[in-house]
Each structure stands twice: as structure tokens, then as C-alpha cells.
């Protein structure tokens, strides 16, 4: 049985499939993925860890580390020092409820922060405002992470 599970996991990994995290909340799932270190650090700094470890469910448009590196110089440092603004920016990346990519409906979607994001779908390419979903449906026990290539800023 162990060999079978190993083979299934290896095949899924090679195929680029996202497997559900077993017993992992959104924070643990983001940490285990490895490409969301800056996002997790920001969530911790903003005091949102308990929320994303809570029951949810949430859909998190999590910027990758590369997305954070594209911010203008000094922007991330300034956000990390301004906990209120940081929390506003991060909660702008979160929708209530769990929505897999196949379930996205183009149009506006209200964030946990309160503003609206614009979702678009074009031949399987999903965009959220000016960000592209580059890794989809990273599932956790309390929601799903959709990795994006740009940090979204509330208006």
C-alpha cells in the first residue's frame, strides 16, 4: 500500500496536480508549498494568522515571493511597519468561502477587506484585477490558495 501511495503522489506531482493538504490549514499549506514565505511573514506581522488557521473557509489569492519582489523598493518594508495598512492589503487578497478555479464566475467579488476584486476568465487563464493565477487550487482544510503573480493593492 505504501508503494502505491508513493507512486500516486509522484505521478500527481509530475502531472502538476494540486493534492489536498491532509490536516493542514491555509497557513500550514502555504508554508509547506514554499513559494509563499513573504506572504506568510506578512500575515503573521498583520496578526491574521489565527484567522487563516480558523474554520473559514476562505479563498486566498496569495502572492508568491516573486510577486512581492516586484513591488517598488521600500513598499514591503513600509507595509510591514504599518500593521493596519498591511492587514487591509492582505484581506483584499481573501474571499469568504472556498472557490476552486473551475467555479470562478467572471465579474466582481467582495473581499474580506470589503472592496471588490474583478475576476476574469479567458480560455482557462484566470486573472484577479491585474494579477494572473499562476498556480491554482492548492487546497487546505479550511479553504484554497490561488497563487498570483502580483500583489494586489486596494483602491
Protein backbone atom coordinates (compact mmCIF):
# COMPACT_ATOMS: atom_id res chain seq x y z
CA UNK A 1 0.00 0.00 0.00
CA UNK A 2 2.83 2.41 0.86
CA UNK A 3 4.42 1.87 -2.57
CA UNK A 4 1.05 2.53 -4.22
CA UNK A 5 0.57 5.82 -2.35
CA UNK A 6 4.12 6.89 -3.14
CA UNK A 7 3.54 6.14 -6.82
CA UNK A 8 0.24 8.07 -6.86
CA UNK A 9 1.82 11.09 -5.15
CA UNK A 10 4.78 11.02 -7.52
CA UNK A 11 2.53 10.76 -10.58
CA UNK A 12 0.33 13.60 -9.35
CA UNK A 13 3.39 15.74 -8.66
CA UNK A 14 4.78 15.09 -12.16
CA UNK A 15 1.40 15.97 -13.66
CA UNK A 16 1.39 19.25 -11.75
CA UNK A 17 -1.71 18.32 -9.81
CA UNK A 18 -2.53 20.00 -6.54
CA UNK A 19 -3.36 17.50 -3.87
CA UNK A 20 -5.37 18.38 -0.80
CA UNK A 21 -3.27 19.09 2.22
CA UNK A 22 -4.06 16.44 4.77
CA UNK A 23 -4.80 18.00 8.13
CA UNK A 24 -3.32 21.37 7.15
CA UNK A 25 -4.87 24.82 7.42
CA UNK A 26 -4.16 27.63 4.95
CA UNK A 27 -1.05 28.82 6.81
CA UNK A 28 0.47 25.33 7.11
CA UNK A 29 -0.35 24.68 3.45
CA UNK A 30 1.30 27.95 2.37
CA UNK A 31 4.39 27.17 4.45
CA UNK A 32 4.61 23.63 3.05
CA UNK A 33 4.34 24.93 -0.53
CA UNK A 34 7.49 27.01 -0.08
CA UNK A 35 6.66 29.81 -2.53
CA UNK A 36 4.68 31.96 -0.08
CA UNK A 37 7.32 32.80 2.56
CA UNK A 38 6.81 36.56 2.28
CA UNK A 39 3.02 36.22 2.32
CA UNK A 40 3.15 34.08 5.47
CA UNK A 41 5.55 36.52 7.14
CA UNK A 42 3.20 39.40 6.26
CA UNK A 43 0.15 37.51 7.57
CA UNK A 44 1.99 36.92 10.85
CA UNK A 45 3.06 40.59 11.08
CA UNK A 46 -0.52 41.75 10.45
CA UNK A 47 -1.92 39.45 13.15
CA UNK A 48 -4.03 37.43 10.70
CA UNK A 49 -2.53 34.01 11.41
CA UNK A 50 -5.37 32.85 13.66
CA UNK A 51 -7.93 33.91 11.04
CA UNK A 52 -6.27 31.81 8.32
CA UNK A 53 -5.87 28.92 10.73
CA UNK A 54 -9.56 29.23 11.72
CA UNK A 55 -12.54 27.36 10.32
CA UNK A 56 -13.00 29.50 7.19
CA UNK A 57 -13.46 28.52 4.51
CA UNK A 58 -11.53 31.13 2.55
CA UNK A 59 -10.19 31.59 -0.95
CA UNK A 60 -6.78 33.23 -0.68
CA UNK A 61 -5.18 34.89 -3.68
CA UNK A 62 -1.68 34.54 -2.27
CA UNK A 63 1.10 36.48 -3.97
CA UNK A 64 4.22 34.39 -4.43
CA UNK A 65 7.59 35.52 -3.14
CA UNK A 66 8.39 36.62 -6.70
CA UNK A 67 5.23 38.77 -6.74
CA UNK A 68 6.39 40.57 -3.59
CA UNK A 69 9.82 41.12 -5.16
CA UNK A 70 8.14 43.11 -7.96
CA UNK A 71 6.84 45.77 -5.54
CA UNK A 72 8.57 49.16 -5.80
CA UNK A 73 11.59 49.48 -3.48
CA UNK A 74 10.59 50.18 0.11
CA UNK A 75 6.90 49.27 -0.34
CA UNK A 76 7.05 45.96 1.51
CA UNK A 77 9.12 47.45 4.34
CA UNK A 78 6.64 50.31 4.71
CA UNK A 79 3.70 47.89 4.76
CA UNK A 80 5.37 45.67 7.35
CA UNK A 81 5.72 48.72 9.63
CA UNK A 82 2.08 49.81 9.14
CA UNK A 83 0.08 46.89 10.55
CA UNK A 84 -3.31 48.46 9.76
CA UNK A 85 -2.46 49.07 6.09
CA UNK A 86 -0.79 45.65 5.87
CA UNK A 87 -3.95 43.96 7.17
CA UNK A 88 -6.04 45.93 4.62
CA UNK A 89 -3.79 44.82 1.77
CA UNK A 90 -3.75 41.18 2.87
CA UNK A 91 -7.50 40.91 3.49
CA UNK A 92 -8.00 42.38 -0.01
CA UNK A 93 -6.48 39.07 -1.21
CA UNK A 94 -9.07 36.93 0.63
CA UNK A 95 -12.61 35.97 -0.35
CA UNK A 96 -15.06 34.35 2.05
CA UNK A 97 -15.88 30.77 1.05
CA UNK A 98 -13.87 28.25 -0.92
CA UNK A 99 -13.84 28.74 -4.68
CA UNK A 100 -11.89 26.43 -6.97
CA UNK A 101 -10.77 27.79 -10.35
CA UNK A 102 -13.42 25.77 -12.21
CA UNK A 103 -16.08 27.52 -10.07
CA UNK A 104 -14.96 31.11 -10.73
CA UNK A 105 -17.57 33.35 -12.26
CA UNK A 106 -16.24 36.40 -14.11
CA UNK A 107 -17.18 39.68 -12.51
CA UNK A 108 -16.87 41.41 -9.17
CA UNK A 109 -16.18 39.51 -5.96
CA UNK A 110 -16.31 41.05 -2.47
CA UNK A 111 -13.16 40.57 -0.41
CA UNK A 112 -12.90 40.09 3.35
CA UNK A 113 -11.43 43.62 3.41
CA UNK A 114 -14.72 44.92 1.95
CA UNK A 115 -13.66 46.15 -1.51
CA UNK A 116 -14.41 44.37 -4.77
CA UNK A 117 -11.95 42.40 -6.90
CA UNK A 118 -12.61 41.78 -10.58
CA UNK A 119 -12.33 38.16 -11.69
CA UNK A 120 -11.83 37.33 -15.37
CA UNK A 121 -11.54 34.04 -17.20
CA UNK A 122 -10.19 33.79 -20.74
CA UNK A 123 -9.68 30.33 -22.20
CA UNK A 124 -8.65 28.90 -18.85
CA UNK A 125 -6.48 31.87 -17.88
CA UNK A 126 -7.78 33.41 -14.65
CA UNK A 127 -6.98 36.97 -13.66
CA UNK A 128 -7.80 38.81 -10.46
CA UNK A 129 -7.64 42.57 -11.02
CA UNK A 130 -4.20 42.90 -12.65
CA UNK A 131 -2.78 39.59 -11.32
CA UNK A 132 -2.64 36.21 -13.02
CA UNK A 133 -3.45 32.98 -11.20
CA UNK A 134 -0.23 31.02 -11.79
CA UNK A 135 -0.89 28.02 -9.54
CA UNK A 136 -4.45 27.03 -8.83
CA UNK A 137 -6.42 25.07 -6.29
CA UNK A 138 -3.83 24.50 -3.57
CA UNK A 139 -6.34 23.06 -1.13
CA UNK A 140 -6.27 23.18 2.65
CA UNK A 141 -8.67 22.00 5.33
CA UNK A 142 -10.17 25.48 5.65
CA UNK A 143 -10.03 26.79 2.11
CA UNK A 144 -7.98 27.09 -1.03
CA UNK A 145 -4.96 29.08 -2.17
CA UNK A 146 -4.80 30.52 -5.67
CA UNK A 147 -1.20 31.68 -6.26
CA UNK A 148 -0.92 35.01 -8.05
CA UNK A 149 1.98 36.80 -9.72
CA UNK A 150 1.25 40.33 -8.46
CA UNK A 151 0.49 41.88 -5.08
CA UNK A 152 -2.97 43.45 -5.24
CA UNK A 153 -3.49 46.88 -3.70
CA UNK A 154 -6.90 48.05 -2.57
CA UNK A 155 -8.10 51.22 -4.25
